[in-house]
Amino acid sequence: GGRVHAGPRASVHERDGWRLTAFHAKTDADVHADHWEVHPEAE
């Protein structure tokens, strides 16, 4: 419906809608380089 909201980083329980997230990464640990990640619902 076009609603956009901003707030504190979404918790793992908040999974409704698309998320835009920006972050500073200084080391590989900041991007969990030791893990694979997948999003089955969307690109």
ModelCIF file with pLDDT and N, C-alpha, C, O atoms, coordinates in Angstrom:
data_MODEL
#
_entry.id   MODEL 
#
_entity.id                         1 
_entity.type                       polymer 
_entity.pdbx_number_of_molecules   1 
#
_entity_poly.entity_id                      1 
_entity_poly.type                           'polypeptide(L)' 
_entity_poly.nstd_linkage                   no 
_entity_poly.nstd_monomer                   no 
_entity_poly.pdbx_seq_one_letter_code       GGRVHAGPRASVHERDGWRLTAFHAKTDADVHADHWEVHPEAE 
_entity_poly.pdbx_seq_one_letter_code_can   GGRVHAGPRASVHERDGWRLTAFHAKTDADVHADHWEVHPEAE 
_entity_poly.pdbx_strand_id                 A 
#
loop_
_entity_poly_seq.entity_id 
_entity_poly_seq.num 
_entity_poly_seq.mon_id 
_entity_poly_seq.hetero 
1 1  GLY n 
1 2  GLY n 
1 3  ARG n 
1 4  VAL n 
1 5  HIS n 
1 6  ALA n 
1 7  GLY n 
1 8  PRO n 
1 9  ARG n 
1 10 ALA n 
1 11 SER n 
1 12 VAL n 
1 13 HIS n 
1 14 GLU n 
1 15 ARG n 
1 16 ASP n 
1 17 GLY n 
1 18 TRP n 
1 19 ARG n 
1 20 LEU n 
1 21 THR n 
1 22 ALA n 
1 23 PHE n 
1 24 HIS n 
1 25 ALA n 
1 26 LYS n 
1 27 THR n 
1 28 ASP n 
1 29 ALA n 
1 30 ASP n 
1 31 VAL n 
1 32 HIS n 
1 33 ALA n 
1 34 ASP n 
1 35 HIS n 
1 36 TRP n 
1 37 GLU n 
1 38 VAL n 
1 39 HIS n 
1 40 PRO n 
1 41 GLU n 
1 42 ALA n 
1 43 GLU n 
#
_struct_asym.id          A 
_struct_asym.entity_id   1 
#
loop_
_ma_qa_metric.id 
_ma_qa_metric.mode 
_ma_qa_metric.name 
_ma_qa_metric.software_group_id 
_ma_qa_metric.type 
1 global pLDDT . pLDDT 
2 local  pLDDT . pLDDT 
#
_ma_qa_metric_global.metric_id      1 
_ma_qa_metric_global.metric_value   86.58 
_ma_qa_metric_global.model_id       1 
_ma_qa_metric_global.ordinal_id     1 
#
loop_
_ma_qa_metric_local.label_asym_id 
_ma_qa_metric_local.label_comp_id 
_ma_qa_metric_local.label_seq_id 
_ma_qa_metric_local.metric_id 
_ma_qa_metric_local.metric_value 
_ma_qa_metric_local.model_id 
_ma_qa_metric_local.ordinal_id 
A GLY 1  2 88.00 1 1  
A GLY 2  2 90.00 1 2  
A ARG 3  2 89.00 1 3  
A VAL 4  2 90.00 1 4  
A HIS 5  2 87.00 1 5  
A ALA 6  2 89.00 1 6  
A GLY 7  2 86.00 1 7  
A PRO 8  2 84.00 1 8  
A ARG 9  2 77.00 1 9  
A ALA 10 2 57.00 1 10 
A SER 11 2 49.00 1 11 
A VAL 12 2 45.00 1 12 
A HIS 13 2 47.00 1 13 
A GLU 14 2 54.00 1 14 
A ARG 15 2 57.00 1 15 
A ASP 16 2 72.00 1 16 
A GLY 17 2 87.00 1 17 
A TRP 18 2 92.00 1 18 
A ARG 19 2 92.00 1 19 
A LEU 20 2 94.00 1 20 
A THR 21 2 94.00 1 21 
A ALA 22 2 96.00 1 22 
A PHE 23 2 94.00 1 23 
A HIS 24 2 97.00 1 24 
A ALA 25 2 97.00 1 25 
A LYS 26 2 98.00 1 26 
A THR 27 2 97.00 1 27 
A ASP 28 2 96.00 1 28 
A ALA 29 2 95.00 1 29 
A ASP 30 2 95.00 1 30 
A VAL 31 2 94.00 1 31 
A HIS 32 2 93.00 1 32 
A ALA 33 2 95.00 1 33 
A ASP 34 2 95.00 1 34 
A HIS 35 2 97.00 1 35 
A TRP 36 2 97.00 1 36 
A GLU 37 2 97.00 1 37 
A VAL 38 2 97.00 1 38 
A HIS 39 2 95.00 1 39 
A PRO 40 2 94.00 1 40 
A GLU 41 2 93.00 1 41 
A ALA 42 2 94.00 1 42 
A GLU 43 2 97.00 1 43 
#
loop_
_atom_site.group_PDB 
_atom_site.id 
_atom_site.type_symbol 
_atom_site.label_atom_id 
_atom_site.label_alt_id 
_atom_site.label_comp_id 
_atom_site.label_asym_id 
_atom_site.label_entity_id 
_atom_site.label_seq_id 
_atom_site.pdbx_PDB_ins_code 
_atom_site.Cartn_x 
_atom_site.Cartn_y 
_atom_site.Cartn_z 
_atom_site.occupancy 
_atom_site.B_iso_or_equiv 
_atom_site.pdbx_formal_charge 
_atom_site.auth_seq_id 
_atom_site.auth_comp_id 
_atom_site.auth_asym_id 
_atom_site.auth_atom_id 
_atom_site.pdbx_PDB_model_num 
ATOM 1   N N  . GLY A 1 1  ? 0.792  -1.213  0.000  1.00 88.00 ? 1  GLY A N  1 
ATOM 2   C CA . GLY A 1 1  ? 0.000  0.000   0.000  1.00 88.00 ? 1  GLY A CA 1 
ATOM 3   C C  . GLY A 1 1  ? 0.827  1.266   0.000  1.00 88.00 ? 1  GLY A C  1 
ATOM 4   O O  . GLY A 1 1  ? 0.276  2.366   0.046  1.00 88.00 ? 1  GLY A O  1 
ATOM 5   N N  . GLY A 1 2  ? 2.147  1.128   -0.052 1.00 90.00 ? 2  GLY A N  1 
ATOM 6   C CA . GLY A 1 2  ? 3.013  2.297   -0.158 1.00 90.00 ? 2  GLY A CA 1 
ATOM 7   C C  . GLY A 1 2  ? 3.441  2.912   1.155  1.00 90.00 ? 2  GLY A C  1 
ATOM 8   O O  . GLY A 1 2  ? 4.099  3.952   1.147  1.00 90.00 ? 2  GLY A O  1 
ATOM 9   N N  . ARG A 1 3  ? 3.099  2.318   2.277  1.00 89.00 ? 3  ARG A N  1 
ATOM 10  C CA . ARG A 1 3  ? 3.513  2.864   3.573  1.00 89.00 ? 3  ARG A CA 1 
ATOM 11  C C  . ARG A 1 3  ? 4.993  2.585   3.804  1.00 89.00 ? 3  ARG A C  1 
ATOM 12  O O  . ARG A 1 3  ? 5.474  1.479   3.560  1.00 89.00 ? 3  ARG A O  1 
ATOM 13  N N  . VAL A 1 4  ? 5.711  3.609   4.281  1.00 90.00 ? 4  VAL A N  1 
ATOM 14  C CA . VAL A 1 4  ? 7.128  3.498   4.612  1.00 90.00 ? 4  VAL A CA 1 
ATOM 15  C C  . VAL A 1 4  ? 7.298  3.997   6.034  1.00 90.00 ? 4  VAL A C  1 
ATOM 16  O O  . VAL A 1 4  ? 6.735  5.026   6.408  1.00 90.00 ? 4  VAL A O  1 
ATOM 17  N N  . HIS A 1 5  ? 8.074  3.270   6.828  1.00 87.00 ? 5  HIS A N  1 
ATOM 18  C CA . HIS A 1 5  ? 8.365  3.765   8.173  1.00 87.00 ? 5  HIS A CA 1 
ATOM 19  C C  . HIS A 1 5  ? 9.813  3.485   8.514  1.00 87.00 ? 5  HIS A C  1 
ATOM 20  O O  . HIS A 1 5  ? 10.426 2.547   8.003  1.00 87.00 ? 5  HIS A O  1 
ATOM 21  N N  . ALA A 1 6  ? 10.349 4.325   9.396  1.00 89.00 ? 6  ALA A N  1 
ATOM 22  C CA . ALA A 1 6  ? 11.713 4.149   9.887  1.00 89.00 ? 6  ALA A CA 1 
ATOM 23  C C  . ALA A 1 6  ? 11.659 3.982   11.388 1.00 89.00 ? 6  ALA A C  1 
ATOM 24  O O  . ALA A 1 6  ? 10.812 4.565   12.066 1.00 89.00 ? 6  ALA A O  1 
ATOM 25  N N  . GLY A 1 7  ? 12.565 3.186   11.891 1.00 86.00 ? 7  GLY A N  1 
ATOM 26  C CA . GLY A 1 7  ? 12.633 2.982   13.329 1.00 86.00 ? 7  GLY A CA 1 
ATOM 27  C C  . GLY A 1 7  ? 13.905 2.270   13.690 1.00 86.00 ? 7  GLY A C  1 
ATOM 28  O O  . GLY A 1 7  ? 14.763 2.050   12.834 1.00 86.00 ? 7  GLY A O  1 
ATOM 29  N N  . PRO A 1 8  ? 14.042 1.904   14.951 1.00 84.00 ? 8  PRO A N  1 
ATOM 30  C CA . PRO A 1 8  ? 15.230 1.156   15.369 1.00 84.00 ? 8  PRO A CA 1 
ATOM 31  C C  . PRO A 1 8  ? 15.372 -0.113  14.536 1.00 84.00 ? 8  PRO A C  1 
ATOM 32  O O  . PRO A 1 8  ? 14.391 -0.618  13.990 1.00 84.00 ? 8  PRO A O  1 
ATOM 33  N N  . ARG A 1 9  ? 16.584 -0.619  14.442 1.00 77.00 ? 9  ARG A N  1 
ATOM 34  C CA . ARG A 1 9  ? 16.812 -1.846  13.675 1.00 77.00 ? 9  ARG A CA 1 
ATOM 35  C C  . ARG A 1 9  ? 15.738 -2.867  13.986 1.00 77.00 ? 9  ARG A C  1 
ATOM 36  O O  . ARG A 1 9  ? 15.426 -3.117  15.150 1.00 77.00 ? 9  ARG A O  1 
ATOM 37  N N  . ALA A 1 10 ? 15.168 -3.461  12.940 1.00 57.00 ? 10 ALA A N  1 
ATOM 38  C CA . ALA A 1 10 ? 14.096 -4.442  13.118 1.00 57.00 ? 10 ALA A CA 1 
ATOM 39  C C  . ALA A 1 10 ? 14.633 -5.656  13.870 1.00 57.00 ? 10 ALA A C  1 
ATOM 40  O O  . ALA A 1 10 ? 15.735 -6.136  13.604 1.00 57.00 ? 10 ALA A O  1 
ATOM 41  N N  . SER A 1 11 ? 13.834 -6.136  14.810 1.00 49.00 ? 11 SER A N  1 
ATOM 42  C CA . SER A 1 11 ? 14.221 -7.353  15.516 1.00 49.00 ? 11 SER A CA 1 
ATOM 43  C C  . SER A 1 11 ? 13.953 -8.534  14.588 1.00 49.00 ? 11 SER A C  1 
ATOM 44  O O  . SER A 1 11 ? 13.278 -8.398  13.568 1.00 49.00 ? 11 SER A O  1 
ATOM 45  N N  . VAL A 1 12 ? 14.486 -9.677  14.954 1.00 45.00 ? 12 VAL A N  1 
ATOM 46  C CA . VAL A 1 12 ? 14.276 -10.871 14.131 1.00 45.00 ? 12 VAL A CA 1 
ATOM 47  C C  . VAL A 1 12 ? 12.805 -11.238 14.042 1.00 45.00 ? 12 VAL A C  1 
ATOM 48  O O  . VAL A 1 12 ? 12.403 -11.961 13.130 1.00 45.00 ? 12 VAL A O  1 
ATOM 49  N N  . HIS A 1 13 ? 11.993 -10.751 14.977 1.00 47.00 ? 13 HIS A N  1 
ATOM 50  C CA . HIS A 1 13 ? 10.570 -11.072 14.972 1.00 47.00 ? 13 HIS A CA 1 
ATOM 51  C C  . HIS A 1 13 ? 9.777  -10.183 14.024 1.00 47.00 ? 13 HIS A C  1 
ATOM 52  O O  . HIS A 1 13 ? 8.666  -10.543 13.635 1.00 47.00 ? 13 HIS A O  1 
ATOM 53  N N  . GLU A 1 14 ? 10.323 -9.026  13.641 1.00 54.00 ? 14 GLU A N  1 
ATOM 54  C CA . GLU A 1 14 ? 9.628  -8.138  12.716 1.00 54.00 ? 14 GLU A CA 1 
ATOM 55  C C  . GLU A 1 14 ? 9.993  -8.536  11.293 1.00 54.00 ? 14 GLU A C  1 
ATOM 56  O O  . GLU A 1 14 ? 11.071 -8.192  10.808 1.00 54.00 ? 14 GLU A O  1 
ATOM 57  N N  . ARG A 1 15 ? 9.117  -9.246  10.634 1.00 57.00 ? 15 ARG A N  1 
ATOM 58  C CA . ARG A 1 15 ? 9.405  -9.780  9.301  1.00 57.00 ? 15 ARG A CA 1 
ATOM 59  C C  . ARG A 1 15 ? 8.392  -9.319  8.264  1.00 57.00 ? 15 ARG A C  1 
ATOM 60  O O  . ARG A 1 15 ? 8.342  -9.881  7.170  1.00 57.00 ? 15 ARG A O  1 
ATOM 61  N N  . ASP A 1 16 ? 7.582  -8.313  8.578  1.00 72.00 ? 16 ASP A N  1 
ATOM 62  C CA . ASP A 1 16 ? 6.544  -7.850  7.672  1.00 72.00 ? 16 ASP A CA 1 
ATOM 63  C C  . ASP A 1 16 ? 7.099  -6.810  6.710  1.00 72.00 ? 16 ASP A C  1 
ATOM 64  O O  . ASP A 1 16 ? 7.627  -5.786  7.145  1.00 72.00 ? 16 ASP A O  1 
ATOM 65  N N  . GLY A 1 17 ? 6.991  -7.053  5.439  1.00 87.00 ? 17 GLY A N  1 
ATOM 66  C CA . GLY A 1 17 ? 7.404  -6.074  4.432  1.00 87.00 ? 17 GLY A CA 1 
ATOM 67  C C  . GLY A 1 17 ? 8.891  -6.113  4.119  1.00 87.00 ? 17 GLY A C  1 
ATOM 68  O O  . GLY A 1 17 ? 9.666  -6.841  4.738  1.00 87.00 ? 17 GLY A O  1 
ATOM 69  N N  . TRP A 1 18 ? 9.255  -5.312  3.146  1.00 92.00 ? 18 TRP A N  1 
ATOM 70  C CA . TRP A 1 18 ? 10.636 -5.180  2.705  1.00 92.00 ? 18 TRP A CA 1 
ATOM 71  C C  . TRP A 1 18 ? 11.414 -4.331  3.704  1.00 92.00 ? 18 TRP A C  1 
ATOM 72  O O  . TRP A 1 18 ? 10.840 -3.481  4.386  1.00 92.00 ? 18 TRP A O  1 
ATOM 73  N N  . ARG A 1 19 ? 12.723 -4.563  3.788  1.00 92.00 ? 19 ARG A N  1 
ATOM 74  C CA . ARG A 1 19 ? 13.591 -3.805  4.685  1.00 92.00 ? 19 ARG A CA 1 
ATOM 75  C C  . ARG A 1 19 ? 14.775 -3.228  3.912  1.00 92.00 ? 19 ARG A C  1 
ATOM 76  O O  . ARG A 1 19 ? 15.417 -3.910  3.114  1.00 92.00 ? 19 ARG A O  1 
ATOM 77  N N  . LEU A 1 20 ? 15.037 -1.965  4.174  1.00 94.00 ? 20 LEU A N  1 
ATOM 78  C CA . LEU A 1 20 ? 16.251 -1.304  3.690  1.00 94.00 ? 20 LEU A CA 1 
ATOM 79  C C  . LEU A 1 20 ? 17.126 -1.094  4.912  1.00 94.00 ? 20 LEU A C  1 
ATOM 80  O O  . LEU A 1 20 ? 16.710 -0.477  5.892  1.00 94.00 ? 20 LEU A O  1 
ATOM 81  N N  . THR A 1 21 ? 18.339 -1.613  4.842  1.00 94.00 ? 21 THR A N  1 
ATOM 82  C CA . THR A 1 21 ? 19.274 -1.523  5.956  1.00 94.00 ? 21 THR A CA 1 
ATOM 83  C C  . THR A 1 21 ? 20.632 -1.093  5.434  1.00 94.00 ? 21 THR A C  1 
ATOM 84  O O  . THR A 1 21 ? 21.105 -1.613  4.424  1.00 94.00 ? 21 THR A O  1 
ATOM 85  N N  . ALA A 1 22 ? 21.265 -0.142  6.120  1.00 96.00 ? 22 ALA A N  1 
ATOM 86  C CA . ALA A 1 22 ? 22.625 0.280   5.789  1.00 96.00 ? 22 ALA A CA 1 
ATOM 87  C C  . ALA A 1 22 ? 23.497 0.047   7.017  1.00 96.00 ? 22 ALA A C  1 
ATOM 88  O O  . ALA A 1 22 ? 23.038 0.212   8.147  1.00 96.00 ? 22 ALA A O  1 
ATOM 89  N N  . PHE A 1 23 ? 24.747 -0.334  6.800  1.00 94.00 ? 23 PHE A N  1 
ATOM 90  C CA . PHE A 1 23 ? 25.612 -0.569  7.943  1.00 94.00 ? 23 PHE A CA 1 
ATOM 91  C C  . PHE A 1 23 ? 27.071 -0.330  7.596  1.00 94.00 ? 23 PHE A C  1 
ATOM 92  O O  . PHE A 1 23 ? 27.500 -0.476  6.451  1.00 94.00 ? 23 PHE A O  1 
ATOM 93  N N  . HIS A 1 24 ? 27.821 0.046   8.636  1.00 97.00 ? 24 HIS A N  1 
ATOM 94  C CA . HIS A 1 24 ? 29.276 0.182   8.552  1.00 97.00 ? 24 HIS A CA 1 
ATOM 95  C C  . HIS A 1 24 ? 29.861 -1.210  8.828  1.00 97.00 ? 24 HIS A C  1 
ATOM 96  O O  . HIS A 1 24 ? 29.438 -1.882  9.769  1.00 97.00 ? 24 HIS A O  1 
ATOM 97  N N  . ALA A 1 25 ? 30.806 -1.635  8.032  1.00 97.00 ? 25 ALA A N  1 
ATOM 98  C CA . ALA A 1 25 ? 31.467 -2.918  8.260  1.00 97.00 ? 25 ALA A CA 1 
ATOM 99  C C  . ALA A 1 25 ? 32.969 -2.687  8.283  1.00 97.00 ? 25 ALA A C  1 
ATOM 100 O O  . ALA A 1 25 ? 33.556 -2.273  7.283  1.00 97.00 ? 25 ALA A O  1 
ATOM 101 N N  . LYS A 1 26 ? 33.589 -2.955  9.425  1.00 98.00 ? 26 LYS A N  1 
ATOM 102 C CA . LYS A 1 26 ? 35.034 -2.766  9.560  1.00 98.00 ? 26 LYS A CA 1 
ATOM 103 C C  . LYS A 1 26 ? 35.794 -4.073  9.370  1.00 98.00 ? 26 LYS A C  1 
ATOM 104 O O  . LYS A 1 26 ? 36.924 -4.083  8.881  1.00 98.00 ? 26 LYS A O  1 
ATOM 105 N N  . THR A 1 27 ? 35.151 -5.189  9.768  1.00 97.00 ? 27 THR A N  1 
ATOM 106 C CA . THR A 1 27 ? 35.796 -6.501  9.651  1.00 97.00 ? 27 THR A CA 1 
ATOM 107 C C  . THR A 1 27 ? 34.808 -7.506  9.068  1.00 97.00 ? 27 THR A C  1 
ATOM 108 O O  . THR A 1 27 ? 33.607 -7.241  8.999  1.00 97.00 ? 27 THR A O  1 
ATOM 109 N N  . ASP A 1 28 ? 35.315 -8.647  8.653  1.00 96.00 ? 28 ASP A N  1 
ATOM 110 C CA . ASP A 1 28 ? 34.447 -9.703  8.125  1.00 96.00 ? 28 ASP A CA 1 
ATOM 111 C C  . ASP A 1 28 ? 33.408 -10.150 9.150  1.00 96.00 ? 28 ASP A C  1 
ATOM 112 O O  . ASP A 1 28 ? 32.323 -10.598 8.777  1.00 96.00 ? 28 ASP A O  1 
ATOM 113 N N  . ALA A 1 29 ? 33.732 -10.032 10.438 1.00 95.00 ? 29 ALA A N  1 
ATOM 114 C CA . ALA A 1 29 ? 32.761 -10.405 11.480 1.00 95.00 ? 29 ALA A CA 1 
ATOM 115 C C  . ALA A 1 29 ? 31.514 -9.524  11.410 1.00 95.00 ? 29 ALA A C  1 
ATOM 116 O O  . ALA A 1 29 ? 30.422 -9.976  11.755 1.00 95.00 ? 29 ALA A O  1 
ATOM 117 N N  . ASP A 1 30 ? 31.662 -8.276  10.968 1.00 95.00 ? 30 ASP A N  1 
ATOM 118 C CA . ASP A 1 30 ? 30.521 -7.362  10.868 1.00 95.00 ? 30 ASP A CA 1 
ATOM 119 C C  . ASP A 1 30 ? 29.526 -7.782  9.784  1.00 95.00 ? 30 ASP A C  1 
ATOM 120 O O  . ASP A 1 30 ? 28.379 -7.337  9.796  1.00 95.00 ? 30 ASP A O  1 
ATOM 121 N N  . VAL A 1 31 ? 29.953 -8.632  8.849  1.00 94.00 ? 31 VAL A N  1 
ATOM 122 C CA . VAL A 1 31 ? 29.072 -9.088  7.764  1.00 94.00 ? 31 VAL A CA 1 
ATOM 123 C C  . VAL A 1 31 ? 28.855 -10.601 7.827  1.00 94.00 ? 31 VAL A C  1 
ATOM 124 O O  . VAL A 1 31 ? 28.477 -11.225 6.835  1.00 94.00 ? 31 VAL A O  1 
ATOM 125 N N  . HIS A 1 32 ? 29.098 -11.178 9.000  1.00 93.00 ? 32 HIS A N  1 
ATOM 126 C CA . HIS A 1 32 ? 28.997 -12.626 9.237  1.00 93.00 ? 32 HIS A CA 1 
ATOM 127 C C  . HIS A 1 32 ? 29.532 -13.426 8.044  1.00 93.00 ? 32 HIS A C  1 
ATOM 128 O O  . HIS A 1 32 ? 28.841 -14.277 7.484  1.00 93.00 ? 32 HIS A O  1 
ATOM 129 N N  . ALA A 1 33 ? 30.794 -13.125 7.671  1.00 95.00 ? 33 ALA A N  1 
ATOM 130 C CA . ALA A 1 33 ? 31.427 -13.786 6.525  1.00 95.00 ? 33 ALA A CA 1 
ATOM 131 C C  . ALA A 1 33 ? 31.581 -15.288 6.727  1.00 95.00 ? 33 ALA A C  1 
ATOM 132 O O  . ALA A 1 33 ? 31.782 -16.030 5.766  1.00 95.00 ? 33 ALA A O  1 
ATOM 133 N N  . ASP A 1 34 ? 31.487 -15.738 7.979  1.00 95.00 ? 34 ASP A N  1 
ATOM 134 C CA . ASP A 1 34 ? 31.612 -17.166 8.270  1.00 95.00 ? 34 ASP A CA 1 
ATOM 135 C C  . ASP A 1 34 ? 30.285 -17.910 8.160  1.00 95.00 ? 34 ASP A C  1 
ATOM 136 O O  . ASP A 1 34 ? 30.190 -19.080 8.532  1.00 95.00 ? 34 ASP A O  1 
ATOM 137 N N  . HIS A 1 35 ? 29.249 -17.218 7.642  1.00 97.00 ? 35 HIS A N  1 
ATOM 138 C CA . HIS A 1 35 ? 27.928 -17.819 7.458  1.00 97.00 ? 35 HIS A CA 1 
ATOM 139 C C  . HIS A 1 35 ? 27.413 -17.580 6.037  1.00 97.00 ? 35 HIS A C  1 
ATOM 140 O O  . HIS A 1 35 ? 27.699 -16.553 5.422  1.00 97.00 ? 35 HIS A O  1 
ATOM 141 N N  . TRP A 1 36 ? 26.663 -18.532 5.540  1.00 97.00 ? 36 TRP A N  1 
ATOM 142 C CA . TRP A 1 36 ? 25.882 -18.346 4.330  1.00 97.00 ? 36 TRP A CA 1 
ATOM 143 C C  . TRP A 1 36 ? 24.522 -17.799 4.748  1.00 97.00 ? 36 TRP A C  1 
ATOM 144 O O  . TRP A 1 36 ? 24.043 -18.081 5.847  1.00 97.00 ? 36 TRP A O  1 
ATOM 145 N N  . GLU A 1 37 ? 23.905 -17.021 3.871  1.00 97.00 ? 37 GLU A N  1 
ATOM 146 C CA . GLU A 1 37 ? 22.584 -16.447 4.128  1.00 97.00 ? 37 GLU A CA 1 
ATOM 147 C C  . GLU A 1 37 ? 21.715 -16.693 2.905  1.00 97.00 ? 37 GLU A C  1 
ATOM 148 O O  . GLU A 1 37 ? 22.213 -16.714 1.779  1.00 97.00 ? 37 GLU A O  1 
ATOM 149 N N  . VAL A 1 38 ? 20.413 -16.881 3.121  1.00 97.00 ? 38 VAL A N  1 
ATOM 150 C CA . VAL A 1 38 ? 19.488 -17.071 2.005  1.00 97.00 ? 38 VAL A CA 1 
ATOM 151 C C  . VAL A 1 38 ? 18.176 -16.362 2.325  1.00 97.00 ? 38 VAL A C  1 
ATOM 152 O O  . VAL A 1 38 ? 17.752 -16.296 3.479  1.00 97.00 ? 38 VAL A O  1 
ATOM 153 N N  . HIS A 1 39 ? 17.540 -15.831 1.275  1.00 95.00 ? 39 HIS A N  1 
ATOM 154 C CA . HIS A 1 39 ? 16.227 -15.194 1.375  1.00 95.00 ? 39 HIS A CA 1 
ATOM 155 C C  . HIS A 1 39 ? 15.292 -15.918 0.406  1.00 95.00 ? 39 HIS A C  1 
ATOM 156 O O  . HIS A 1 39 ? 15.292 -15.615 -0.787 1.00 95.00 ? 39 HIS A O  1 
ATOM 157 N N  . PRO A 1 40 ? 14.496 -16.868 0.900  1.00 94.00 ? 40 PRO A N  1 
ATOM 158 C CA . PRO A 1 40 ? 13.668 -17.685 0.019  1.00 94.00 ? 40 PRO A CA 1 
ATOM 159 C C  . PRO A 1 40 ? 12.450 -16.965 -0.557 1.00 94.00 ? 40 PRO A C  1 
ATOM 160 O O  . PRO A 1 40 ? 11.865 -17.438 -1.530 1.00 94.00 ? 40 PRO A O  1 
ATOM 161 N N  . GLU A 1 41 ? 12.060 -15.837 0.022  1.00 93.00 ? 41 GLU A N  1 
ATOM 162 C CA . GLU A 1 41 ? 10.840 -15.152 -0.398 1.00 93.00 ? 41 GLU A CA 1 
ATOM 163 C C  . GLU A 1 41 ? 11.059 -14.106 -1.489 1.00 93.00 ? 41 GLU A C  1 
ATOM 164 O O  . GLU A 1 41 ? 10.105 -13.718 -2.163 1.00 93.00 ? 41 GLU A O  1 
ATOM 165 N N  . ALA A 1 42 ? 12.309 -13.636 -1.677 1.00 94.00 ? 42 ALA A N  1 
ATOM 166 C CA . ALA A 1 42 ? 12.545 -12.544 -2.631 1.00 94.00 ? 42 ALA A CA 1 
ATOM 167 C C  . ALA A 1 42 ? 14.028 -12.405 -2.951 1.00 94.00 ? 42 ALA A C  1 
ATOM 168 O O  . ALA A 1 42 ? 14.886 -12.952 -2.259 1.00 94.00 ? 42 ALA A O  1 
ATOM 169 N N  . GLU A 1 43 ? 14.301 -11.675 -3.991 1.00 97.00 ? 43 GLU A N  1 
ATOM 170 C CA . GLU A 1 43 ? 15.669 -11.314 -4.324 1.00 97.00 ? 43 GLU A CA 1 
ATOM 171 C C  . GLU A 1 43 ? 16.157 -10.282 -3.313 1.00 97.00 ? 43 GLU A C  1 
ATOM 172 O O  . GLU A 1 43 ? 17.297 -9.826  -3.398 1.00 97.00 ? 43 GLU A O  1 
#
